[in-house]
PDB file of N, CA and C in Angstrom:
ATOM      1  N   UNK A   1     -27.188   2.521  12.006  1.00  0.00           N
ATOM      2  CA  UNK A   1     -27.751   3.412  10.895  1.00  0.00           C
ATOM      3  C   UNK A   1     -28.145   2.519   9.644  1.00  0.00           C
ATOM      4  N   UNK A   2     -27.208   1.671   9.178  1.00  0.00           N
ATOM      5  CA  UNK A   2     -27.556   0.798   8.128  1.00  0.00           C
ATOM      6  C   UNK A   2     -28.783  -0.082   8.217  1.00  0.00           C
ATOM      7  N   UNK A   3     -28.932  -0.632   9.333  1.00  0.00           N
ATOM      8  CA  UNK A   3     -29.950  -1.478   9.739  1.00  0.00           C
ATOM      9  C   UNK A   3     -31.275  -0.637   9.525  1.00  0.00           C
ATOM     10  N   UNK A   4     -31.144   0.295  10.263  1.00  0.00           N
ATOM     11  CA  UNK A   4     -32.388   1.294  10.191  1.00  0.00           C
ATOM     12  C   UNK A   4     -32.899   1.708   8.822  1.00  0.00           C
ATOM     13  N   UNK A   5     -31.953   2.140   7.989  1.00  0.00           N
ATOM     14  CA  UNK A   5     -32.344   2.491   6.530  1.00  0.00           C
ATOM     15  C   UNK A   5     -32.830   1.173   5.816  1.00  0.00           C
ATOM     16  N   UNK A   6     -32.166   0.040   6.099  1.00  0.00           N
ATOM     17  CA  UNK A   6     -32.656  -1.148   5.351  1.00  0.00           C
ATOM     18  C   UNK A   6     -34.192  -1.504   5.806  1.00  0.00           C
ATOM     19  N   UNK A   7     -34.455  -1.059   6.943  1.00  0.00           N
ATOM     20  CA  UNK A   7     -35.924  -1.321   7.310  1.00  0.00           C
ATOM     21  C   UNK A   7     -37.037  -0.600   6.313  1.00  0.00           C
ATOM     22  N   UNK A   8     -36.467   0.528   5.890  1.00  0.00           N
ATOM     23  CA  UNK A   8     -37.448   1.153   4.937  1.00  0.00           C
ATOM     24  C   UNK A   8     -37.162   0.896   3.484  1.00  0.00           C
ATOM     25  N   UNK A   9     -36.295  -0.119   3.199  1.00  0.00           N
ATOM     26  CA  UNK A   9     -35.962  -0.487   1.775  1.00  0.00           C
ATOM     27  C   UNK A   9     -34.746   0.223   1.062  1.00  0.00           C
ATOM     28  N   UNK A  10     -34.085   1.003   1.775  1.00  0.00           N
ATOM     29  CA  UNK A  10     -32.950   1.708   1.270  1.00  0.00           C
ATOM     30  C   UNK A  10     -31.847   0.897   1.472  1.00  0.00           C
ATOM     31  N   UNK A  11     -31.742  -0.128   0.552  1.00  0.00           N
ATOM     32  CA  UNK A  11     -30.628  -0.979   0.900  1.00  0.00           C
ATOM     33  C   UNK A  11     -30.468  -1.901  -0.432  1.00  0.00           C
ATOM     34  N   UNK A  12     -29.342  -2.504  -0.613  1.00  0.00           N
ATOM     35  CA  UNK A  12     -29.010  -3.267  -1.601  1.00  0.00           C
ATOM     36  C   UNK A  12     -29.758  -4.643  -1.470  1.00  0.00           C
ATOM     37  N   UNK A  13     -30.385  -5.011  -2.714  1.00  0.00           N
ATOM     38  CA  UNK A  13     -31.244  -6.271  -2.622  1.00  0.00           C
ATOM     39  C   UNK A  13     -30.311  -7.549  -2.402  1.00  0.00           C
ATOM     40  N   UNK A  14     -29.173  -7.628  -2.800  1.00  0.00           N
ATOM     41  CA  UNK A  14     -28.225  -8.518  -2.668  1.00  0.00           C
ATOM     42  C   UNK A  14     -26.731  -8.064  -2.223  1.00  0.00           C
ATOM     43  N   UNK A  15     -25.884  -9.032  -1.733  1.00  0.00           N
ATOM     44  CA  UNK A  15     -24.566  -8.723  -1.419  1.00  0.00           C
ATOM     45  C   UNK A  15     -23.639  -8.167  -2.575  1.00  0.00           C
ATOM     46  N   UNK A  16     -24.100  -8.382  -3.876  1.00  0.00           N
ATOM     47  CA  UNK A  16     -23.406  -8.032  -4.960  1.00  0.00           C
ATOM     48  C   UNK A  16     -23.417  -6.524  -5.231  1.00  0.00           C
ATOM     49  N   UNK A  17     -24.444  -5.871  -4.870  1.00  0.00           N
ATOM     50  CA  UNK A  17     -24.554  -4.416  -4.832  1.00  0.00           C
ATOM     51  C   UNK A  17     -23.580  -3.751  -3.953  1.00  0.00           C
ATOM     52  N   UNK A  18     -23.465  -4.382  -2.811  1.00  0.00           N
ATOM     53  CA  UNK A  18     -22.683  -3.720  -1.653  1.00  0.00           C
ATOM     54  C   UNK A  18     -21.216  -4.026  -2.007  1.00  0.00           C
ATOM     55  N   UNK A  19     -20.878  -5.093  -2.707  1.00  0.00           N
ATOM     56  CA  UNK A  19     -19.576  -5.479  -3.102  1.00  0.00           C
ATOM     57  C   UNK A  19     -19.101  -4.511  -4.158  1.00  0.00           C
ATOM     58  N   UNK A  20     -20.120  -4.205  -5.254  1.00  0.00           N
ATOM     59  CA  UNK A  20     -19.642  -3.150  -6.271  1.00  0.00           C
ATOM     60  C   UNK A  20     -19.509  -1.787  -5.718  1.00  0.00           C
ATOM     61  N   UNK A  21     -20.240  -1.304  -4.603  1.00  0.00           N
ATOM     62  CA  UNK A  21     -20.145  -0.171  -3.931  1.00  0.00           C
ATOM     63  C   UNK A  21     -18.701  -0.123  -3.339  1.00  0.00           C
ATOM     64  N   UNK A  22     -18.243  -1.146  -2.680  1.00  0.00           N
ATOM     65  CA  UNK A  22     -17.004  -1.245  -2.032  1.00  0.00           C
ATOM     66  C   UNK A  22     -15.985  -0.959  -3.094  1.00  0.00           C
ATOM     67  N   UNK A  23     -16.006  -1.637  -4.390  1.00  0.00           N
ATOM     68  CA  UNK A  23     -14.974  -1.402  -5.467  1.00  0.00           C
ATOM     69  C   UNK A  23     -15.005   0.051  -5.812  1.00  0.00           C
ATOM     70  N   UNK A  24     -16.180   0.640  -6.024  1.00  0.00           N
ATOM     71  CA  UNK A  24     -16.466   1.918  -6.363  1.00  0.00           C
ATOM     72  C   UNK A  24     -15.609   2.869  -5.356  1.00  0.00           C
ATOM     73  N   UNK A  25     -15.848   2.729  -4.133  1.00  0.00           N
ATOM     74  CA  UNK A  25     -15.258   3.556  -3.101  1.00  0.00           C
ATOM     75  C   UNK A  25     -13.641   3.349  -3.154  1.00  0.00           C
ATOM     76  N   UNK A  26     -13.178   2.269  -3.446  1.00  0.00           N
ATOM     77  CA  UNK A  26     -11.691   2.031  -3.459  1.00  0.00           C
ATOM     78  C   UNK A  26     -11.151   2.737  -4.669  1.00  0.00           C
ATOM     79  N   UNK A  27     -11.990   2.819  -5.720  1.00  0.00           N
ATOM     80  CA  UNK A  27     -11.343   3.666  -6.839  1.00  0.00           C
ATOM     81  C   UNK A  27     -11.541   5.199  -6.482  1.00  0.00           C
ATOM     82  N   UNK A  28     -12.408   5.538  -5.611  1.00  0.00           N
ATOM     83  CA  UNK A  28     -12.553   7.033  -5.424  1.00  0.00           C
ATOM     84  C   UNK A  28     -11.462   7.443  -4.397  1.00  0.00           C
ATOM     85  N   UNK A  29     -11.063   6.272  -3.556  1.00  0.00           N
ATOM     86  CA  UNK A  29      -9.955   6.663  -2.411  1.00  0.00           C
ATOM     87  C   UNK A  29      -8.770   6.808  -3.486  1.00  0.00           C
ATOM     88  N   UNK A  30      -8.551   5.832  -4.325  1.00  0.00           N
ATOM     89  CA  UNK A  30      -7.324   6.021  -5.219  1.00  0.00           C
ATOM     90  C   UNK A  30      -7.212   7.253  -5.965  1.00  0.00           C
ATOM     91  N   UNK A  31      -8.181   7.777  -6.482  1.00  0.00           N
ATOM     92  CA  UNK A  31      -8.433   9.067  -7.184  1.00  0.00           C
ATOM     93  C   UNK A  31      -7.839  10.144  -6.322  1.00  0.00           C
ATOM     94  N   UNK A  32      -8.410  10.239  -5.045  1.00  0.00           N
ATOM     95  CA  UNK A  32      -8.114  11.342  -4.155  1.00  0.00           C
ATOM     96  C   UNK A  32      -6.720  11.305  -3.603  1.00  0.00           C
ATOM     97  N   UNK A  33      -6.148   9.894  -3.581  1.00  0.00           N
ATOM     98  CA  UNK A  33      -4.729   9.873  -3.052  1.00  0.00           C
ATOM     99  C   UNK A  33      -3.799  10.547  -4.125  1.00  0.00           C
ATOM    100  N   UNK A  34      -4.275  10.255  -5.401  1.00  0.00           N
ATOM    101  CA  UNK A  34      -3.438  10.934  -6.534  1.00  0.00           C
ATOM    102  C   UNK A  34      -3.458  12.417  -6.414  1.00  0.00           C
ATOM    103  N   UNK A  35      -4.647  13.048  -5.986  1.00  0.00           N
ATOM    104  CA  UNK A  35      -4.887  14.478  -6.111  1.00  0.00           C
ATOM    105  C   UNK A  35      -3.951  15.014  -4.731  1.00  0.00           C
ATOM    106  N   UNK A  36      -3.893  14.300  -3.812  1.00  0.00           N
ATOM    107  CA  UNK A  36      -3.193  14.590  -2.468  1.00  0.00           C
ATOM    108  C   UNK A  36      -3.977  15.606  -1.602  1.00  0.00           C
ATOM    109  N   UNK A  37      -5.248  15.564  -1.621  1.00  0.00           N
ATOM    110  CA  UNK A  37      -6.026  16.378  -0.611  1.00  0.00           C
ATOM    111  C   UNK A  37      -6.271  15.605   0.565  1.00  0.00           C
ATOM    112  N   UNK A  38      -5.793  15.797   1.709  1.00  0.00           N
ATOM    113  CA  UNK A  38      -5.855  14.939   2.791  1.00  0.00           C
ATOM    114  C   UNK A  38      -7.175  14.877   3.389  1.00  0.00           C
ATOM    115  N   UNK A  39      -8.011  15.977   3.110  1.00  0.00           N
ATOM    116  CA  UNK A  39      -9.386  15.924   3.658  1.00  0.00           C
ATOM    117  C   UNK A  39     -10.243  15.125   2.780  1.00  0.00           C
ATOM    118  N   UNK A  40     -10.090  15.247   1.501  1.00  0.00           N
ATOM    119  CA  UNK A  40     -10.982  14.411   0.615  1.00  0.00           C
ATOM    120  C   UNK A  40     -10.511  12.996   0.861  1.00  0.00           C
ATOM    121  N   UNK A  41      -9.171  12.618   0.968  1.00  0.00           N
ATOM    122  CA  UNK A  41      -8.841  11.339   1.193  1.00  0.00           C
ATOM    123  C   UNK A  41      -9.491  10.656   2.485  1.00  0.00           C
ATOM    124  N   UNK A  42      -9.493  11.494   3.455  1.00  0.00           N
ATOM    125  CA  UNK A  42     -10.230  10.950   4.739  1.00  0.00           C
ATOM    126  C   UNK A  42     -11.682  10.689   4.533  1.00  0.00           C
ATOM    127  N   UNK A  43     -12.336  11.595   3.793  1.00  0.00           N
ATOM    128  CA  UNK A  43     -13.655  11.561   3.410  1.00  0.00           C
ATOM    129  C   UNK A  43     -13.900  10.280   2.703  1.00  0.00           C
ATOM    130  N   UNK A  44     -13.256  10.005   1.641  1.00  0.00           N
ATOM    131  CA  UNK A  44     -13.437   8.770   0.779  1.00  0.00           C
ATOM    132  C   UNK A  44     -13.153   7.528   1.636  1.00  0.00           C
ATOM    133  N   UNK A  45     -12.128   7.599   2.505  1.00  0.00           N
ATOM    134  CA  UNK A  45     -11.717   6.390   3.252  1.00  0.00           C
ATOM    135  C   UNK A  45     -13.059   6.155   4.232  1.00  0.00           C
ATOM    136  N   UNK A  46     -13.587   7.368   4.738  1.00  0.00           N
ATOM    137  CA  UNK A  46     -14.819   7.090   5.648  1.00  0.00           C
ATOM    138  C   UNK A  46     -16.013   6.289   4.823  1.00  0.00           C
ATOM    139  N   UNK A  47     -16.089   6.821   3.569  1.00  0.00           N
ATOM    140  CA  UNK A  47     -17.067   6.295   2.781  1.00  0.00           C
ATOM    141  C   UNK A  47     -16.822   4.676   2.420  1.00  0.00           C
ATOM    142  N   UNK A  48     -15.441   4.278   2.338  1.00  0.00           N
ATOM    143  CA  UNK A  48     -15.033   3.053   1.957  1.00  0.00           C
ATOM    144  C   UNK A  48     -15.564   2.232   3.142  1.00  0.00           C
ATOM    145  N   UNK A  49     -14.956   2.694   4.409  1.00  0.00           N
ATOM    146  CA  UNK A  49     -15.295   1.999   5.562  1.00  0.00           C
ATOM    147  C   UNK A  49     -16.732   1.792   5.857  1.00  0.00           C
ATOM    148  N   UNK A  50     -17.596   2.628   5.559  1.00  0.00           N
ATOM    149  CA  UNK A  50     -18.972   2.716   5.836  1.00  0.00           C
ATOM    150  C   UNK A  50     -19.592   1.558   4.743  1.00  0.00           C
ATOM    151  N   UNK A  51     -19.147   1.554   3.455  1.00  0.00           N
ATOM    152  CA  UNK A  51     -19.450   0.618   2.617  1.00  0.00           C
ATOM    153  C   UNK A  51     -19.013  -0.699   2.923  1.00  0.00           C
ATOM    154  N   UNK A  52     -17.802  -1.065   3.597  1.00  0.00           N
ATOM    155  CA  UNK A  52     -17.431  -2.365   3.929  1.00  0.00           C
ATOM    156  C   UNK A  52     -18.288  -2.797   5.182  1.00  0.00           C
ATOM    157  N   UNK A  53     -18.671  -2.010   6.043  1.00  0.00           N
ATOM    158  CA  UNK A  53     -19.480  -2.372   7.085  1.00  0.00           C
ATOM    159  C   UNK A  53     -20.896  -2.793   6.561  1.00  0.00           C
ATOM    160  N   UNK A  54     -21.453  -2.069   5.511  1.00  0.00           N
ATOM    161  CA  UNK A  54     -22.570  -2.515   4.791  1.00  0.00           C
ATOM    162  C   UNK A  54     -22.450  -4.013   4.144  1.00  0.00           C
ATOM    163  N   UNK A  55     -21.283  -4.185   3.563  1.00  0.00           N
ATOM    164  CA  UNK A  55     -21.091  -5.492   3.000  1.00  0.00           C
ATOM    165  C   UNK A  55     -21.034  -6.525   4.028  1.00  0.00           C
ATOM    166  N   UNK A  56     -20.468  -6.261   5.163  1.00  0.00           N
ATOM    167  CA  UNK A  56     -20.404  -7.297   6.070  1.00  0.00           C
ATOM    168  C   UNK A  56     -21.783  -7.600   6.663  1.00  0.00           C
ATOM    169  N   UNK A  57     -22.536  -6.487   6.844  1.00  0.00           N
ATOM    170  CA  UNK A  57     -23.925  -6.852   7.261  1.00  0.00           C
ATOM    171  C   UNK A  57     -24.671  -7.582   6.322  1.00  0.00           C
ATOM    172  N   UNK A  58     -24.673  -7.281   5.061  1.00  0.00           N
ATOM    173  CA  UNK A  58     -25.305  -8.008   3.985  1.00  0.00           C
ATOM    174  C   UNK A  58     -24.895  -9.507   3.813  1.00  0.00           C
ATOM    175  N   UNK A  59     -23.518  -9.712   4.046  1.00  0.00           N
ATOM    176  CA  UNK A  59     -22.945 -10.910   4.082  1.00  0.00           C
ATOM    177  C   UNK A  59     -23.294 -11.749   5.367  1.00  0.00           C
ATOM    178  N   UNK A  60     -24.054 -11.310   6.236  1.00  0.00           N
ATOM    179  CA  UNK A  60     -24.458 -12.113   7.541  1.00  0.00           C
ATOM    180  C   UNK A  60     -23.251 -12.123   8.564  1.00  0.00           C
ATOM    181  N   UNK A  61     -22.468 -10.950   8.624  1.00  0.00           N
ATOM    182  CA  UNK A  61     -21.357 -10.955   9.563  1.00  0.00           C
ATOM    183  C   UNK A  61     -21.414  -9.723  10.327  1.00  0.00           C
ATOM    184  N   UNK A  62     -20.826  -9.619  11.481  1.00  0.00           N
ATOM    185  CA  UNK A  62     -20.712  -8.223  12.009  1.00  0.00           C
ATOM    186  C   UNK A  62     -19.290  -7.704  11.925  1.00  0.00           C
ATOM    187  N   UNK A  63     -19.168  -6.602  11.351  1.00  0.00           N
ATOM    188  CA  UNK A  63     -17.995  -5.820  10.919  1.00  0.00           C
ATOM    189  C   UNK A  63     -17.166  -5.622  12.028  1.00  0.00           C
ATOM    190  N   UNK A  64     -17.569  -5.580  13.296  1.00  0.00           N
ATOM    191  CA  UNK A  64     -16.697  -5.136  14.365  1.00  0.00           C
ATOM    192  C   UNK A  64     -15.969  -6.699  14.883  1.00  0.00           C
ATOM    193  N   UNK A  65     -16.774  -7.817  14.812  1.00  0.00           N
ATOM    194  CA  UNK A  65     -16.334  -9.072  15.108  1.00  0.00           C
ATOM    195  C   UNK A  65     -15.316  -9.503  14.212  1.00  0.00           C
ATOM    196  N   UNK A  66     -15.513  -9.208  12.888  1.00  0.00           N
ATOM    197  CA  UNK A  66     -14.629  -9.729  11.775  1.00  0.00           C
ATOM    198  C   UNK A  66     -13.366  -8.893  11.944  1.00  0.00           C
ATOM    199  N   UNK A  67     -13.415  -7.593  12.377  1.00  0.00           N
ATOM    200  CA  UNK A  67     -12.193  -6.744  12.355  1.00  0.00           C
ATOM    201  C   UNK A  67     -11.370  -7.359  13.696  1.00  0.00           C
ATOM    202  N   UNK A  68     -11.982  -7.582  14.704  1.00  0.00           N
ATOM    203  CA  UNK A  68     -11.355  -8.175  15.807  1.00  0.00           C
ATOM    204  C   UNK A  68     -10.672  -9.378  15.604  1.00  0.00           C
ATOM    205  N   UNK A  69     -11.221 -10.215  14.803  1.00  0.00           N
ATOM    206  CA  UNK A  69     -10.685 -11.500  14.547  1.00  0.00           C
ATOM    207  C   UNK A  69      -9.520 -11.336  13.726  1.00  0.00           C
ATOM    208  N   UNK A  70      -9.503 -10.367  12.734  1.00  0.00           N
ATOM    209  CA  UNK A  70      -8.491 -10.019  11.702  1.00  0.00           C
ATOM    210  C   UNK A  70      -7.334  -9.432  12.654  1.00  0.00           C
ATOM    211  N   UNK A  71      -7.663  -8.608  13.504  1.00  0.00           N
ATOM    212  CA  UNK A  71      -6.507  -7.948  14.284  1.00  0.00           C
ATOM    213  C   UNK A  71      -5.838  -9.126  15.148  1.00  0.00           C
ATOM    214  N   UNK A  72      -6.652  -9.969  15.695  1.00  0.00           N
ATOM    215  CA  UNK A  72      -6.000 -11.125  16.539  1.00  0.00           C
ATOM    216  C   UNK A  72      -5.105 -12.053  15.607  1.00  0.00           C
ATOM    217  N   UNK A  73      -5.626 -12.304  14.331  1.00  0.00           N
ATOM    218  CA  UNK A  73      -4.744 -13.309  13.455  1.00  0.00           C
ATOM    219  C   UNK A  73      -3.651 -12.410  13.216  1.00  0.00           C
ATOM    220  N   UNK A  74      -3.593 -11.095  12.699  1.00  0.00           N
ATOM    221  CA  UNK A  74      -2.484 -10.285  12.232  1.00  0.00           C
ATOM    222  C   UNK A  74      -1.290 -10.337  13.510  1.00  0.00           C
ATOM    223  N   UNK A  75      -1.936 -10.155  14.781  1.00  0.00           N
ATOM    224  CA  UNK A  75      -1.122 -10.084  15.916  1.00  0.00           C
ATOM    225  C   UNK A  75      -0.307 -11.361  16.077  1.00  0.00           C
ATOM    226  N   UNK A  76      -1.024 -12.556  15.984  1.00  0.00           N
ATOM    227  CA  UNK A  76      -0.515 -13.836  15.956  1.00  0.00           C
ATOM    228  C   UNK A  76       0.573 -14.015  14.981  1.00  0.00           C
ATOM    229  N   UNK A  77       0.306 -13.768  13.817  1.00  0.00           N
ATOM    230  CA  UNK A  77       1.240 -13.958  12.566  1.00  0.00           C
ATOM    231  C   UNK A  77       2.388 -13.087  12.798  1.00  0.00           C
ATOM    232  N   UNK A  78       2.287 -11.764  13.327  1.00  0.00           N
ATOM    233  CA  UNK A  78       3.462 -10.994  13.312  1.00  0.00           C
ATOM    234  C   UNK A  78       4.419 -11.414  14.532  1.00  0.00           C
ATOM    235  N   UNK A  79       3.633 -11.714  15.526  1.00  0.00           N
ATOM    236  CA  UNK A  79       4.718 -12.448  16.480  1.00  0.00           C
ATOM    237  C   UNK A  79       5.488 -13.819  16.087  1.00  0.00           C
ATOM    238  N   UNK A  80       4.852 -14.488  15.293  1.00  0.00           N
ATOM    239  CA  UNK A  80       5.430 -15.574  14.699  1.00  0.00           C
ATOM    240  C   UNK A  80       6.541 -15.052  13.760  1.00  0.00           C
ATOM    241  N   UNK A  81       6.247 -14.004  12.872  1.00  0.00           N
ATOM    242  CA  UNK A  81       7.208 -13.409  12.055  1.00  0.00           C
ATOM    243  C   UNK A  81       8.544 -12.823  12.830  1.00  0.00           C
ATOM    244  N   UNK A  82       8.121 -12.263  13.957  1.00  0.00           N
ATOM    245  CA  UNK A  82       9.291 -11.818  14.713  1.00  0.00           C
ATOM    246  C   UNK A  82      10.130 -12.907  15.257  1.00  0.00           C
ATOM    247  N   UNK A  83       9.502 -14.043  15.650  1.00  0.00           N
ATOM    248  CA  UNK A  83      10.382 -15.132  16.096  1.00  0.00           C
ATOM    249  C   UNK A  83      11.129 -15.829  15.077  1.00  0.00           C
ATOM    250  N   UNK A  84      10.509 -15.898  13.939  1.00  0.00           N
ATOM    251  CA  UNK A  84      11.131 -16.669  12.651  1.00  0.00           C
ATOM    252  C   UNK A  84      12.489 -15.582  12.323  1.00  0.00           C
ATOM    253  N   UNK A  85      12.163 -14.266  12.246  1.00  0.00           N
ATOM    254  CA  UNK A  85      13.299 -13.524  11.952  1.00  0.00           C
ATOM    255  C   UNK A  85      14.405 -13.597  12.817  1.00  0.00           C
ATOM    256  N   UNK A  86      14.019 -13.709  14.231  1.00  0.00           N
ATOM    257  CA  UNK A  86      15.037 -13.852  15.122  1.00  0.00           C
ATOM    258  C   UNK A  86      15.970 -15.063  15.085  1.00  0.00           C
ATOM    259  N   UNK A  87      15.200 -16.240  14.719  1.00  0.00           N
ATOM    260  CA  UNK A  87      15.802 -17.577  14.509  1.00  0.00           C
ATOM    261  C   UNK A  87      16.711 -17.522  13.373  1.00  0.00           C
ATOM    262  N   UNK A  88      16.357 -16.625  12.300  1.00  0.00           N
ATOM    263  CA  UNK A  88      17.251 -16.684  11.095  1.00  0.00           C
ATOM    264  C   UNK A  88      18.314 -15.563  11.276  1.00  0.00           C
ATOM    265  N   UNK A  89      18.390 -14.771  12.278  1.00  0.00           N
ATOM    266  CA  UNK A  89      19.337 -13.664  12.461  1.00  0.00           C
ATOM    267  C   UNK A  89      18.799 -12.617  11.559  1.00  0.00           C
ATOM    268  N   UNK A  90      17.712 -12.291  11.131  1.00  0.00           N
ATOM    269  CA  UNK A  90      17.212 -11.160  10.519  1.00  0.00           C
ATOM    270  C   UNK A  90      16.814 -10.113  11.458  1.00  0.00           C
ATOM    271  N   UNK A  91      17.402  -8.841  11.335  1.00  0.00           N
ATOM    272  CA  UNK A  91      17.108  -7.854  12.161  1.00  0.00           C
ATOM    273  C   UNK A  91      16.086  -7.074  11.422  1.00  0.00           C
ATOM    274  N   UNK A  92      14.820  -7.156  11.844  1.00  0.00           N
ATOM    275  CA  UNK A  92      13.690  -6.543  11.198  1.00  0.00           C
ATOM    276  C   UNK A  92      13.742  -5.117  10.843  1.00  0.00           C
ATOM    277  N   UNK A  93      14.377  -4.325  11.762  1.00  0.00           N
ATOM    278  CA  UNK A  93      14.301  -2.921  11.503  1.00  0.00           C
ATOM    279  C   UNK A  93      15.306  -2.627  10.214  1.00  0.00           C
ATOM    280  N   UNK A  94      16.182  -3.563   9.881  1.00  0.00           N
ATOM    281  CA  UNK A  94      17.271  -3.393   8.906  1.00  0.00           C
ATOM    282  C   UNK A  94      16.883  -4.017   7.641  1.00  0.00           C
ATOM    283  N   UNK A  95      15.968  -5.012   7.721  1.00  0.00           N
ATOM    284  CA  UNK A  95      15.395  -5.846   6.576  1.00  0.00           C
ATOM    285  C   UNK A  95      14.459  -4.946   5.642  1.00  0.00           C
ATOM    286  N   UNK A  96      14.596  -5.205   4.206  1.00  0.00           N
ATOM    287  CA  UNK A  96      13.799  -4.605   3.450  1.00  0.00           C
ATOM    288  C   UNK A  96      12.282  -5.310   3.346  1.00  0.00           C
ATOM    289  N   UNK A  97      11.459  -4.617   2.721  1.00  0.00           N
ATOM    290  CA  UNK A  97      10.079  -5.191   2.841  1.00  0.00           C
ATOM    291  C   UNK A  97       9.905  -6.493   2.090  1.00  0.00           C
ATOM    292  N   UNK A  98      10.691  -6.741   1.199  1.00  0.00           N
ATOM    293  CA  UNK A  98      10.688  -7.979   0.371  1.00  0.00           C
ATOM    294  C   UNK A  98      11.152  -9.049   1.172  1.00  0.00           C
ATOM    295  N   UNK A  99      12.140  -8.964   1.901  1.00  0.00           N
ATOM    296  CA  UNK A  99      12.615 -10.013   3.046  1.00  0.00           C
ATOM    297  C   UNK A  99      11.505 -10.221   4.141  1.00  0.00           C
ATOM    298  N   UNK A 100      10.905  -9.138   4.603  1.00  0.00           N
ATOM    299  CA  UNK A 100       9.850  -9.419   5.486  1.00  0.00           C
ATOM    300  C   UNK A 100       8.621 -10.069   5.105  1.00  0.00           C
ATOM    301  N   UNK A 101       8.209  -9.674   3.696  1.00  0.00           N
ATOM    302  CA  UNK A 101       7.234 -10.206   3.125  1.00  0.00           C
ATOM    303  C   UNK A 101       7.342 -11.723   2.819  1.00  0.00           C
ATOM    304  N   UNK A 102       8.460 -11.971   2.405  1.00  0.00           N
ATOM    305  CA  UNK A 102       8.882 -13.499   2.332  1.00  0.00           C
ATOM    306  C   UNK A 102       8.680 -14.428   3.614  1.00  0.00           C
ATOM    307  N   UNK A 103       9.088 -13.636   4.776  1.00  0.00           N
ATOM    308  CA  UNK A 103       8.913 -14.337   6.101  1.00  0.00           C
ATOM    309  C   UNK A 103       7.418 -14.462   6.328  1.00  0.00           C
ATOM    310  N   UNK A 104       6.660 -13.288   6.061  1.00  0.00           N
ATOM    311  CA  UNK A 104       5.362 -13.404   6.305  1.00  0.00           C
ATOM    312  C   UNK A 104       4.588 -14.512   5.462  1.00  0.00           C
ATOM    313  N   UNK A 105       4.964 -14.643   4.130  1.00  0.00           N
ATOM    314  CA  UNK A 105       4.427 -15.702   3.479  1.00  0.00           C
ATOM    315  C   UNK A 105       4.655 -17.147   3.999  1.00  0.00           C
ATOM    316  N   UNK A 106       5.849 -17.271   4.694  1.00  0.00           N
ATOM    317  CA  UNK A 106       6.297 -18.399   5.343  1.00  0.00           C
ATOM    318  C   UNK A 106       5.376 -18.621   6.567  1.00  0.00           C
ATOM    319  N   UNK A 107       5.164 -17.616   7.405  1.00  0.00           N
ATOM    320  CA  UNK A 107       4.142 -17.749   8.556  1.00  0.00           C
ATOM    321  C   UNK A 107       2.808 -18.205   8.082  1.00  0.00           C
ATOM    322  N   UNK A 108       2.213 -17.569   6.946  1.00  0.00           N
ATOM    323  CA  UNK A 108       0.929 -17.924   6.524  1.00  0.00           C
ATOM    324  C   UNK A 108       0.957 -19.205   6.149  1.00  0.00           C
ATOM    325  N   UNK A 109       1.913 -19.733   5.285  1.00  0.00           N
ATOM    326  CA  UNK A 109       1.910 -21.090   4.691  1.00  0.00           C
ATOM    327  C   UNK A 109       2.076 -22.220   5.889  1.00  0.00           C
ATOM    328  N   UNK A 110       2.699 -21.719   6.912  1.00  0.00           N
ATOM    329  CA  UNK A 110       2.787 -22.795   8.140  1.00  0.00           C
ATOM    330  C   UNK A 110       1.476 -22.928   8.720  1.00  0.00           C
ATOM    331  N   UNK A 111       0.615 -21.905   8.632  1.00  0.00           N
ATOM    332  CA  UNK A 111      -0.679 -21.994   9.265  1.00  0.00           C
ATOM    333  C   UNK A 111      -1.533 -23.099   8.440  1.00  0.00           C
ATOM    334  N   UNK A 112      -1.297 -23.181   7.323  1.00  0.00           N
ATOM    335  CA  UNK A 112      -2.115 -24.054   6.542  1.00  0.00           C
ATOM    336  C   UNK A 112      -2.134 -25.517   6.812  1.00  0.00           C
TER     337      UNK A 112
END
């Protein structure tokens, strides 16, 4: 859809416009989350996702490829996090988010 409308010139001239639109949509999601209307939250998240796909296109990448790579990276990191927790005797289901986030940071740092 986005490529089609771009053909007729209904598109951002640079990636900057798309980036600003993503920021705008994030703010709209946040506003709807505060109001608590699930239907409006879903609508705004849809708009955000649409805008992110547009940003990816203008940045020269495919959103589905980028998402698949991010998912694979997350799975790899999470499996390593599970291993690290087990090695340290951390029961993940009993650990608080802060402890898990610290392990996550260690996993990310080890990748560098």
